[in-house]
Protein backbone atom coordinates (compact mmCIF):
# COMPACT_ATOMS: atom_id res chain seq x y z
CA MET A 1 18.70 20.69 332.38
CA GLN A 2 21.81 22.53 333.43
CA GLU A 3 22.66 26.02 334.53
CA ASN A 4 25.60 27.93 333.13
CA PRO A 5 28.48 27.87 335.64
CA ASN A 6 29.15 31.53 334.89
CA LYS A 7 25.84 32.71 336.31
CA ILE A 8 25.79 35.07 339.25
CA ILE A 9 24.80 33.33 342.45
CA GLY A 10 23.89 35.62 345.30
CA GLY A 11 25.51 39.03 345.08
CA SER A 12 24.04 42.45 345.75
CA ALA A 13 21.26 44.06 343.78
CA SER A 14 23.73 46.55 342.30
CA GLU A 15 25.98 43.73 341.11
CA HIS A 16 23.03 42.06 339.40
CA HIS A 17 22.02 45.40 337.87
CA ASP A 18 25.52 46.05 336.53
CA SER A 19 25.70 42.51 335.12
CA ASP A 20 22.27 42.83 333.49
CA ALA A 21 23.16 46.19 331.97
CA ALA A 22 26.47 44.83 330.66
CA HIS A 23 24.76 41.79 329.12
CA LEU A 24 22.18 44.01 327.43
CA ALA A 25 24.90 46.36 326.18
CA SER A 26 26.71 43.39 324.64
CA LEU A 27 23.52 42.76 322.66
CA GLY A 28 23.49 46.35 321.41
CA TYR A 29 20.94 47.93 323.74
CA GLU A 30 20.87 50.36 326.65
CA SER A 31 17.59 49.86 328.49
CA GLU A 32 15.41 52.70 329.73
CA PHE A 33 13.21 50.37 331.80
CA ARG A 34 13.63 49.95 335.54
CA ARG A 35 14.18 46.44 336.85
CA ASP A 36 11.37 46.71 339.40
CA MET A 37 9.70 43.37 338.69
CA SER A 38 10.35 40.69 341.31
CA PRO A 39 10.49 36.96 340.43
CA TRP A 40 6.96 36.39 341.77
CA ALA A 41 5.63 39.45 339.96
CA ASN A 42 7.17 38.17 336.73
CA PHE A 43 5.55 34.78 337.28
CA SER A 44 2.24 36.46 338.18
CA LEU A 45 2.33 38.37 334.89
CA GLY A 46 2.59 35.07 333.00
CA PHE A 47 -0.01 33.40 335.22
CA THR A 48 -2.62 36.15 334.83
CA TYR A 49 -2.02 36.17 331.06
CA LEU A 50 -2.56 32.37 331.02
CA SER A 51 -5.50 32.91 333.45
CA PRO A 52 -6.93 29.48 334.33
CA VAL A 53 -10.31 30.95 335.33
CA VAL A 54 -10.75 32.90 332.07
CA GLY A 55 -9.72 29.95 329.91
CA VAL A 56 -11.81 27.32 331.69
CA TYR A 57 -14.95 29.41 332.21
CA SER A 58 -14.90 30.60 328.58
CA LEU A 59 -14.67 27.16 326.93
CA PHE A 60 -15.97 24.70 329.52
CA ALA A 61 -19.47 24.39 328.00
CA TYR A 62 -18.09 23.90 324.50
CA ALA A 63 -15.53 21.28 325.53
CA LEU A 64 -17.96 19.32 327.69
CA ALA A 65 -20.56 19.29 324.91
CA GLN A 66 -18.02 18.12 322.33
CA ALA A 67 -16.40 15.21 324.17
CA GLY A 68 -17.92 14.82 327.62
CA PRO A 69 -15.87 14.71 330.85
CA PRO A 70 -12.73 13.05 329.32
CA MET A 71 -12.01 16.40 327.66
CA ILE A 72 -10.20 17.28 330.91
CA TRP A 73 -7.24 15.14 329.82
CA SER A 74 -6.42 17.72 327.15
CA PHE A 75 -5.02 19.89 329.96
CA VAL A 76 -2.38 17.24 330.68
CA ILE A 77 -1.49 16.61 327.01
CA VAL A 78 -1.32 20.27 326.01
CA GLY A 79 0.49 21.18 329.23
CA LEU A 80 3.31 18.78 328.38
CA GLY A 81 3.49 20.10 324.82
CA GLN A 82 3.62 23.73 325.87
CA LEU A 83 6.20 22.93 328.54
CA LEU A 84 8.52 21.85 325.70
CA VAL A 85 7.93 25.21 324.00
CA ALA A 86 8.58 27.02 327.29
CA LEU A 87 11.89 25.18 327.71
CA VAL A 88 13.00 26.29 324.22
CA PHE A 89 11.98 29.87 325.03
CA SER A 90 13.86 29.64 328.34
CA GLU A 91 17.17 28.98 326.58
CA ILE A 92 16.56 31.83 324.15
CA VAL A 93 15.53 34.46 326.69
CA ALA A 94 18.47 33.52 328.92
CA GLN A 95 20.84 34.39 326.07
CA TYR A 96 18.79 37.29 324.66
CA PRO A 97 16.93 38.98 327.57
CA VAL A 98 15.56 41.80 325.40
CA ALA A 99 12.14 43.45 325.72
CA GLY A 100 9.60 42.32 323.14
CA GLY A 101 9.97 38.55 323.32
CA VAL A 102 9.42 36.67 320.07
CA TYR A 103 10.49 39.52 317.74
CA PRO A 104 14.03 40.08 319.13
CA TRP A 105 14.44 36.30 319.64
CA ALA A 106 13.59 35.57 316.00
CA ARG A 107 15.86 38.44 314.92
CA ARG A 108 18.91 36.99 316.67
CA LEU A 109 18.14 33.39 315.67
CA TRP A 110 17.28 33.92 312.00
CA GLY A 111 17.26 37.42 310.53
CA ARG A 112 15.43 40.71 309.99
CA LYS A 113 12.69 39.67 307.54
CA TYR A 114 11.83 36.56 309.50
CA ALA A 115 11.80 38.51 312.76
CA TRP A 116 9.60 41.20 311.24
CA MET A 117 7.00 38.62 310.18
CA THR A 118 7.18 36.81 313.54
CA GLY A 119 6.60 40.06 315.39
CA TRP A 120 3.81 41.09 312.99
CA VAL A 121 1.87 37.85 313.51
CA TYR A 122 2.34 38.01 317.28
CA LEU A 123 1.41 41.69 317.58
CA ILE A 124 -1.81 41.28 315.60
CA ALA A 125 -2.66 38.17 317.65
CA LEU A 126 -2.05 40.00 320.93
CA LEU A 127 -4.18 43.01 319.96
CA VAL A 128 -7.00 40.71 318.89
CA THR A 129 -6.64 38.64 322.07
CA ILE A 130 -6.91 41.76 324.25
CA ALA A 131 -10.15 42.59 322.43
CA SER A 132 -11.48 39.06 322.91
CA VAL A 133 -10.67 39.04 326.64
CA VAL A 134 -12.29 42.39 327.45
CA TYR A 135 -15.28 41.54 325.24
CA GLY A 136 -15.66 38.27 327.10
CA ALA A 137 -15.53 40.16 330.40
CA GLY A 138 -18.19 42.71 329.39
CA PRO A 139 -21.23 40.48 330.10
CA TYR A 140 -19.81 39.44 333.49
CA LEU A 141 -19.42 43.07 334.56
CA ALA A 142 -22.93 43.83 333.31
CA GLN A 143 -24.35 40.96 335.41
CA VAL A 144 -22.45 41.99 338.54
CA LEU A 145 -23.71 45.57 338.24
CA GLY A 146 -27.26 44.43 337.51
CA PHE A 147 -27.48 45.52 333.86
CA GLU A 148 -29.16 43.52 331.13
CA VAL A 149 -26.60 41.81 328.90
CA SER A 150 -26.85 43.23 325.38
CA VAL A 151 -24.49 44.25 322.59
CA ASN A 152 -24.46 47.85 323.83
CA SER A 153 -23.85 47.00 327.50
CA THR A 154 -21.17 44.47 326.54
CA ILE A 155 -19.34 47.08 324.45
CA ILE A 156 -19.55 49.74 327.17
CA PHE A 157 -18.30 47.49 329.95
CA SER A 158 -15.62 45.99 327.70
CA VAL A 159 -14.24 49.47 327.08
CA VAL A 160 -14.40 50.21 330.83
CA ILE A 161 -12.29 47.14 331.59
CA LEU A 162 -9.87 48.02 328.78
CA ALA A 163 -9.52 51.57 330.12
CA LEU A 164 -8.84 50.33 333.66
CA SER A 165 -6.23 47.90 332.36
CA THR A 166 -4.56 50.70 330.40
CA ILE A 167 -4.46 52.99 333.44
CA ILE A 168 -2.75 50.28 335.50
CA ASN A 169 -0.14 49.81 332.78
CA PHE A 170 0.44 53.55 332.50
CA LEU A 171 1.27 53.76 336.21
CA GLY A 172 4.55 51.95 335.61
CA THR A 173 6.30 48.63 336.17
CA LYS A 174 5.95 48.68 339.97
CA VAL A 175 2.18 49.18 339.84
CA LEU A 176 1.86 46.62 337.04
CA ALA A 177 3.87 44.11 339.09
CA THR A 178 1.75 44.73 342.19
CA ALA A 179 -1.47 44.42 340.20
CA ALA A 180 -0.21 41.17 338.65
CA VAL A 181 0.52 39.68 342.09
CA ILE A 182 -2.91 40.79 343.37
CA GLY A 183 -4.52 39.30 340.28
CA PHE A 184 -2.65 36.03 340.77
CA ALA A 185 -3.64 35.86 344.46
CA ALA A 186 -7.31 36.61 343.73
CA GLU A 187 -7.47 34.10 340.91
CA ILE A 188 -5.71 31.24 342.69
CA ILE A 189 -7.66 31.77 345.94
CA GLY A 190 -10.91 32.10 344.02
CA ALA A 191 -10.17 28.96 342.01
CA LEU A 192 -9.36 26.96 345.14
CA VAL A 193 -12.33 28.26 347.18
CA VAL A 194 -14.85 27.75 344.37
CA GLY A 195 -13.36 24.38 343.44
CA PHE A 196 -13.33 22.96 346.94
CA TRP A 197 -16.80 24.35 347.73
CA LEU A 198 -18.22 22.65 344.65
CA LEU A 199 -16.46 19.36 345.43
CA ILE A 200 -17.59 19.37 349.07
CA THR A 201 -21.18 20.59 348.70
CA HIS A 202 -22.24 20.12 345.10
CA ARG A 203 -20.49 17.03 343.78
CA TYR A 204 -22.68 14.67 341.73
CA HIS A 205 -20.10 12.32 340.18
CA GLY A 206 -17.09 10.22 341.12
CA LEU A 207 -13.73 10.30 339.35
CA GLY A 208 -14.85 7.46 337.09
CA VAL A 209 -16.90 9.98 335.11
CA LEU A 210 -13.65 11.35 333.70
CA PHE A 211 -13.51 8.25 331.50
CA ASP A 212 -17.17 8.35 330.38
CA SER A 213 -17.96 10.31 327.21
CA PHE A 214 -21.76 9.96 327.63
CA GLY A 215 -21.91 9.35 323.88
CA ALA A 216 -20.79 12.90 323.08
CA GLN A 217 -18.90 11.72 319.98
CA GLY A 218 -22.12 10.74 318.20
CA SER A 219 -21.37 9.01 314.90
CA HIS A 220 -17.75 10.25 314.85
CA SER A 221 -14.78 8.46 316.36
CA TYR A 222 -14.00 9.63 319.88
CA LEU A 223 -10.59 10.91 318.73
CA TYR A 224 -12.36 13.42 316.49
CA ALA A 225 -14.55 14.59 319.37
CA PHE A 226 -11.62 14.76 321.79
CA ALA A 227 -9.55 16.79 319.32
CA ALA A 228 -12.36 19.33 319.07
CA ALA A 229 -12.79 19.49 322.85
CA GLY A 230 -9.01 19.66 323.22
CA LEU A 231 -9.18 23.29 322.15
CA ILE A 232 -9.92 24.13 325.79
CA GLY A 233 -6.40 22.97 326.63
CA ILE A 234 -4.81 24.52 323.55
CA TYR A 235 -6.39 27.91 324.28
CA GLN A 236 -5.33 27.67 327.92
CA TYR A 237 -1.57 27.21 327.86
CA TYR A 238 -0.06 30.42 326.63
CA GLY A 239 1.00 33.36 328.70
CA PHE A 240 4.36 32.06 329.85
CA GLU A 241 6.06 34.03 327.07
CA ALA A 242 4.88 37.28 328.72
CA CYS A 243 7.51 36.62 331.39
CA GLY A 244 10.11 37.15 328.67
CA ASP A 245 8.39 40.11 327.01
CA VAL A 246 9.37 42.24 330.02
CA ALA A 247 12.94 40.90 330.21
CA GLU A 248 14.43 44.36 330.66
CA GLU A 249 12.28 44.94 333.76
CA VAL A 250 13.43 41.84 335.66
CA PRO A 251 16.73 41.58 337.57
CA ASN A 252 18.94 38.64 336.64
CA PRO A 253 16.54 37.69 333.80
CA GLY A 254 18.63 34.79 332.50
CA VAL A 255 17.91 32.86 335.70
CA LEU A 256 14.58 34.24 336.91
CA ILE A 257 12.57 34.31 333.68
CA PRO A 258 13.07 30.61 332.79
CA LYS A 259 11.91 29.74 336.32
CA ALA A 260 8.87 32.01 335.96
CA MET A 261 7.98 30.43 332.61
CA ARG A 262 8.07 26.91 334.06
CA ARG A 263 6.06 27.98 337.14
CA THR A 264 3.42 29.48 334.85
CA ILE A 265 2.98 26.10 333.14
CA TYR A 266 3.07 24.06 336.38
CA ILE A 267 0.88 26.23 338.60
CA GLY A 268 -1.36 27.64 335.88
CA GLY A 269 -1.95 24.20 334.41
CA ALA A 270 -2.65 22.64 337.80
CA ALA A 271 -5.10 25.43 338.68
CA ALA A 272 -6.92 25.14 335.33
CA THR A 273 -7.18 21.36 335.65
CA PHE A 274 -8.50 21.64 339.21
CA VAL A 275 -11.15 24.22 338.24
CA CYS A 276 -12.24 22.06 335.32
CA LEU A 277 -12.34 18.95 337.53
CA ALA A 278 -14.55 20.67 340.10
CA LEU A 279 -16.94 21.86 337.40
CA VAL A 280 -17.16 18.47 335.69
CA LEU A 281 -17.88 16.58 338.90
CA SER A 282 -20.47 19.16 339.94
CA VAL A 283 -22.56 19.36 336.75
CA ALA A 284 -25.74 17.48 337.67
CA ASP A 285 -26.97 16.76 334.14
CA ILE A 286 -24.02 16.20 331.81
CA PRO A 287 -26.20 14.67 329.03
CA ALA A 288 -28.24 17.91 328.98
CA VAL A 289 -25.07 19.89 328.26
CA ILE A 290 -24.06 17.45 325.52
CA ALA A 291 -27.54 17.60 323.99
CA GLY A 292 -27.48 21.40 323.98
CA LYS A 293 -30.32 21.75 326.50
CA ASP A 294 -28.04 23.52 329.00
CA ILE A 295 -25.78 25.85 327.05
CA THR A 296 -24.53 27.78 330.11
CA PRO A 297 -23.61 25.04 332.61
CA VAL A 298 -21.17 27.28 334.50
CA ASP A 299 -23.83 29.92 335.18
CA THR A 300 -26.34 27.21 336.13
CA LEU A 301 -23.85 25.56 338.46
CA LEU A 302 -22.73 28.75 340.19
CA ASN A 303 -26.29 29.88 340.82
CA ASP A 304 -27.26 26.47 342.20
CA ALA A 305 -24.17 26.15 344.40
CA PHE A 306 -23.79 29.72 345.66
CA GLY A 307 -27.18 31.37 345.23
CA THR A 308 -27.70 34.71 343.49
CA VAL A 309 -25.51 36.77 345.87
CA GLY A 310 -22.76 34.14 346.12
CA ALA A 311 -22.72 33.72 342.34
CA LYS A 312 -22.16 37.46 341.96
CA ILE A 313 -19.20 37.30 344.34
CA VAL A 314 -17.73 34.47 342.26
CA LEU A 315 -18.35 36.51 339.11
CA GLY A 316 -16.47 39.36 340.78
CA ILE A 317 -13.45 37.09 341.18
CA VAL A 318 -13.85 36.05 337.55
CA LEU A 319 -13.85 39.74 336.59
CA ILE A 320 -10.57 40.30 338.44
CA SER A 321 -9.16 37.40 336.43
CA PHE A 322 -10.33 38.96 333.15
CA LEU A 323 -8.88 42.35 334.13
CA SER A 324 -5.55 40.82 335.14
CA CYS A 325 -5.43 38.86 331.90
CA ALA A 326 -6.10 41.98 329.79
CA MET A 327 -3.51 43.93 331.78
CA SER A 328 -0.81 41.29 331.19
CA LEU A 329 -1.67 41.04 327.50
CA GLN A 330 -1.37 44.81 327.16
CA ALA A 331 2.02 44.77 328.85
CA ALA A 332 3.23 42.09 326.43
CA ALA A 333 1.82 43.86 323.35
CA SER A 334 3.25 47.24 324.33
CA ARG A 335 6.74 45.83 324.92
CA LEU A 336 6.64 44.12 321.53
CA ALA A 337 5.49 47.33 319.81
CA TYR A 338 8.21 49.26 321.66
CA ALA A 339 10.87 46.73 320.58
CA TYR A 340 9.66 47.12 316.97
CA GLY A 341 9.82 50.89 317.27
CA ARG A 342 13.24 50.92 318.97
CA ASP A 343 14.65 49.02 316.00
CA ASP A 344 12.80 51.28 313.48
CA MET A 345 11.07 48.21 312.09
CA ILE A 346 7.52 49.51 311.50
CA VAL A 347 5.63 52.62 310.45
CA GLY A 348 5.15 54.88 313.44
CA SER A 349 8.46 53.82 315.00
CA ARG A 350 9.21 57.44 315.94
CA LEU A 351 6.28 57.33 318.38
CA LEU A 352 6.38 53.68 319.40
CA LYS A 353 9.98 53.98 320.64
CA LYS A 354 9.27 57.05 322.78
CA PHE A 355 9.76 56.38 326.47
CA SER A 356 8.36 58.10 329.55
CA ALA A 357 11.26 58.90 331.87
CA ALA A 358 8.81 59.56 334.71
CA ARG A 359 6.83 56.31 334.45
CA HIS A 360 9.47 54.16 332.77
CA ILE A 361 6.96 52.88 330.25
CA PRO A 362 6.54 53.29 326.44
CA PRO A 363 3.38 55.47 326.36
CA TYR A 364 2.56 55.36 322.65
CA ALA A 365 3.14 51.61 322.45
CA LEU A 366 0.69 51.26 325.35
CA LEU A 367 -1.82 53.49 323.58
CA LEU A 368 -1.61 51.21 320.55
CA ALA A 369 -2.36 48.25 322.84
CA ALA A 370 -5.48 50.10 324.02
CA ILE A 371 -6.81 51.83 320.89
CA ALA A 372 -6.56 48.88 318.49
CA PRO A 373 -8.51 46.47 320.78
CA ALA A 374 -11.06 49.22 321.46
CA ILE A 375 -11.69 49.63 317.73
CA ILE A 376 -12.18 45.86 317.38
CA VAL A 377 -14.64 45.82 320.29
CA LEU A 378 -16.59 48.82 318.92
CA GLY A 379 -16.79 46.99 315.60
CA SER A 380 -19.13 44.46 317.20
CA LYS A 381 -21.80 47.18 317.13
CA VAL A 382 -21.76 46.81 313.35
CA SER A 383 -21.44 43.02 313.32
CA THR A 384 -20.90 40.58 316.18
CA ASP A 385 -20.33 37.93 313.51
CA ALA A 386 -17.43 39.98 312.12
CA LEU A 387 -16.00 40.27 315.64
CA THR A 388 -16.16 36.49 316.01
CA LYS A 389 -14.26 36.09 312.74
CA VAL A 390 -11.56 38.55 313.82
CA ILE A 391 -11.17 36.94 317.24
CA SER A 392 -10.87 33.49 315.66
CA PHE A 393 -7.31 34.41 314.71
CA ALA A 394 -6.23 35.22 318.28
CA ALA A 395 -5.03 31.88 319.67
CA PHE A 396 -3.88 30.55 316.30
CA GLY A 397 -1.76 33.65 315.72
CA ILE A 398 -0.04 33.27 319.07
CA TYR A 399 0.70 29.60 318.38
CA LEU A 400 1.98 30.47 314.91
CA ALA A 401 4.35 33.10 316.30
CA PHE A 402 5.52 30.63 318.96
CA GLN A 403 6.30 27.99 316.38
CA MET A 404 8.12 30.47 314.17
CA VAL A 405 10.50 31.03 317.10
CA VAL A 406 10.75 27.28 317.79
CA LEU A 407 11.55 26.69 314.09
CA ALA A 408 14.14 29.49 314.14
CA ALA A 409 15.77 27.93 317.21
CA LEU A 410 15.88 24.49 315.53
CA ARG A 411 17.41 25.96 312.37
CA ALA A 412 19.99 27.83 314.43
CA ARG A 413 20.91 24.66 316.35
CA LEU A 414 21.40 22.72 313.14
CA LYS A 415 23.67 25.53 311.93
CA GLY A 416 25.81 25.41 315.04
CA TRP A 417 24.05 27.59 317.63
CA LYS A 418 24.99 26.55 321.16
CA PRO A 419 22.92 28.42 323.76
CA SER A 420 25.21 30.39 326.06
CA GLY A 421 22.77 31.91 328.53
CA LYS A 422 22.40 31.19 332.23
CA TYR A 423 19.81 28.50 331.48
CA GLN A 424 20.68 25.64 329.15
CA LEU A 425 19.10 22.33 328.19
CA GLY A 426 22.45 20.81 327.29
CA LYS A 427 22.19 17.55 325.32
CA TRP A 428 18.39 17.68 325.63
CA GLY A 429 18.19 20.91 323.63
CA LEU A 430 17.81 19.37 320.16
CA PRO A 431 15.26 16.63 321.02
CA VAL A 432 13.19 19.07 323.11
CA ASN A 433 13.27 21.58 320.24
CA ILE A 434 12.14 18.97 317.71
CA CYS A 435 9.34 17.68 319.95
CA ALA A 436 8.17 21.26 320.66
CA LEU A 437 7.92 21.92 316.92
CA VAL A 438 6.03 18.68 316.24
CA TYR A 439 3.60 19.43 319.08
CA GLY A 440 3.02 22.98 317.85
CA ILE A 441 2.29 21.89 314.28
CA ILE A 442 -0.23 19.28 315.50
CA ALA A 443 -1.91 21.88 317.73
CA MET A 444 -2.21 24.38 314.87
CA ILE A 445 -3.67 21.74 312.53
CA ASN A 446 -6.22 20.94 315.23
CA MET A 447 -7.13 24.62 315.56
CA CYS A 448 -7.60 25.01 311.79
CA TRP A 449 -9.47 21.75 311.25
CA PRO A 450 -12.93 22.40 309.68
CA ARG A 451 -15.72 21.34 312.03
CA THR A 452 -18.81 23.07 310.60
CA PRO A 453 -19.53 21.23 307.32
CA ASP A 454 -22.90 22.97 306.89
CA ALA A 455 -21.34 26.42 307.00
CA ALA A 456 -19.86 28.33 304.05
CA TRP A 457 -16.28 27.32 303.25
CA TYR A 458 -14.85 30.58 304.56
CA ASP A 459 -16.60 30.02 307.89
CA ASN A 460 -15.59 26.38 308.01
CA TYR A 461 -11.96 27.36 307.47
CA ILE A 462 -12.17 30.69 309.31
CA VAL A 463 -9.11 30.13 311.51
CA LEU A 464 -6.92 29.18 308.55
CA VAL A 465 -8.37 31.95 306.36
CA SER A 466 -7.77 34.60 309.04
CA GLY A 467 -4.20 33.36 309.48
CA VAL A 468 -3.53 33.56 305.73
CA ILE A 469 -4.98 37.09 305.59
CA VAL A 470 -2.69 38.30 308.41
CA VAL A 471 0.42 36.69 306.87
CA VAL A 472 -0.32 37.92 303.31
CA THR A 473 -1.04 41.43 304.63
CA GLY A 474 2.30 41.35 306.43
CA LEU A 475 4.11 40.21 303.29
CA LEU A 476 2.53 43.01 301.24
CA TYR A 477 3.51 45.53 303.92
CA MET A 478 7.10 44.23 303.86
CA MET A 479 7.24 44.55 300.07
CA ILE A 480 5.90 48.11 300.07
CA HIS A 481 7.48 49.67 303.16
CA ARG A 482 10.59 47.47 303.58
CA SER A 483 10.91 48.67 307.17
CA TYR A 484 12.67 45.43 308.12
CA GLY A 485 15.80 46.89 306.52
CA HIS A 486 15.75 50.20 308.38
CA SER A 487 17.54 48.93 311.46
CA ASP A 488 21.25 48.33 311.80
CA MET A 489 20.87 46.44 315.09
CA PRO A 490 22.43 42.94 315.22
CA TYR A 491 20.59 40.03 313.64
CA ASN A 492 21.29 36.36 312.88
CA ASP A 493 24.13 36.46 315.41
CA ALA A 494 23.12 33.22 317.11
CA ILE A 495 24.62 31.42 314.10
CA PRO A 496 28.38 30.98 314.58
CA GLU A 497 30.49 33.43 312.57
CA LYS A 498 32.28 30.55 310.86
CA TYR A 499 29.07 29.27 309.30
CA ARG A 500 27.90 32.75 308.32
CA SER A 501 31.25 33.43 306.64
CA VAL A 502 31.04 30.23 304.62
CA HIS A 503 27.44 31.05 303.68
CA ALA A 504 28.46 34.55 302.57
CA LEU A 505 31.31 33.17 300.45
CA ASN A 506 28.96 30.70 298.79
CA ASN A 507 26.61 33.54 297.93
CA LEU A 508 29.48 35.54 296.43
CA ASP A 509 30.53 32.52 294.35
CA LEU A 510 26.97 32.12 293.07
CA GLN A 511 26.80 35.82 292.19
CA ALA A 512 30.16 35.58 290.37
CA ASP A 513 28.99 32.56 288.38
CA SER A 514 25.77 34.29 287.35
CA THR A 515 27.78 37.37 286.27
CA LYS A 516 30.04 35.24 284.04
CA GLN A 517 27.02 33.62 282.43
C-alpha cells in the first residue's frame, strides 16, 4: 500500500480544514457539516456499528448448533475477505470523501442510475438493520428492568432504545462522536472482562475443541455445516463503511478514514473472535446445544458464571453495545438519505436535504432513520413472522450494496481509473479489487443458500426473495419517478475523459447508423 506524496503531513487544523473544503469543492459540494469527529471517534463509529458483542451474542447459539466449535474459524476467513472490501473502499473514500458513502461513490465510479440503485439497496438495508438491532435489544432491556419478555414488552423497549439513539444523533456530531467513543470503551472493556472471567473461572475445554465438530454436521458434509455456521462471521464484519458515511465530518478524511476502516476490521474482528472463543471454551455441554436441548447457551453460561446480579450487569453492557450499534447505523442511514436529498435523487428530497445550522445535522433524514425502523418494529405486533422475513434482507442488502461498489470500482479500473486520493493500493489495486468481488459473491451465495427444505419455497429462499423484491421495487420506482435524472451533480467522472469521449463518439456513430437505416 502506498500513500499519495501530495498528502498533508502535519499542519494546523485550519490548514487541514481549508484543504478539506477545497477538495470537497472540487467535487462539486460545499459542506454544511462541522468536522468535529476525531480519528478515534470515527473508528469508534465503525466499531460500534460492527459491534462484536451484538454480532456474537445474537448468533452464537445458531452457529455452535450448526457446526460445533470450529465455526469460530469463520471469523478469520470472513475478516480477511471483508478487509479486501475495506481496502477498495479506502481508495474510493480517499478520492471522494463525500457524505453518504456507497451512493456518492457509485455515482462517481459508474453513473446516476447505478448510484441510485446502490443507494436504494443500502438505505433499505440500513433501515431494516436498525429495526433488527433495536428489536434484538428489546428483550435484554426487559430482563434488566425485571419485565417479562413478551411481544408487547419487546416492542416497547425496542422503541425506547430507538428513541434514545435518535436523541443522541439529534444532539450533533460532537455528542455522537463522544457517545461512539463511550460505546466503544464499554464494549471492548466488557468483552475483555467477560471473556477473561469466563476463561479463568468457567473454562471447560482446551483449545483442541476448536477442531472438534461433535458430529454437528449430521449426514451432511462438514463444509455444508460450516458454511451455514459461517453466517456468524458474515453478519459480523460490516460497519467499517460507516467511517466513510460521515466523511464530511472528519478532518483530513483521505488519510484518517482509511485508517479507521482498517482498525474497525482488525480490532472489531479480534474482539469478536475473543468473545466467541471465551464462550466456546466455557460452554459445559456443547452436545446439548447441538442437539437443541440448550437453545440459549449464552444466557445459561452468563447466569452460571456471574449469578443473577452479575448476569444483569453483563446484560447492561450488552445493552450499551446494542444502543451504540443502533446509533451508528442511524448516523450512516441519515447521511445516506441526506446525500440522496442533496442531489435531488429521491421523493422527499426537499426535506431530506434540509440542514440544522444549530446542530449541524440533517434533521429530516434522521427522522426517516427513526420512523421507518419504528414502523417495522411495530409491525411485529401484527406478525413476528413477517418481521423475521423483513429483517432477513438486512445483512444481504448491505453485502449487495457493498459489492455493487466493488464492481463499479473494478469496472472503472478496467476503463482507466487510477485512484488519486491520499490512500492508494498502487499495483495491488486490481488484484485486491478482483478478490474482494469474488469473496463478496461467495458470501452472498452462502447467505441465500436454501437450508430449510421442509419449509415453503418462499421461506426456504427468503433472503433471495427479499433481495429481489427490494431491487424490483427500486427499478419500478426509477421507471415511474426517474428521480435519478433530476441532479446535475457530477457523475461517472472517475473514468478518464479520453475514454468517455470515445464512448460518446461511438454512441453517436451508432445513433447515426440507426437513423440512416
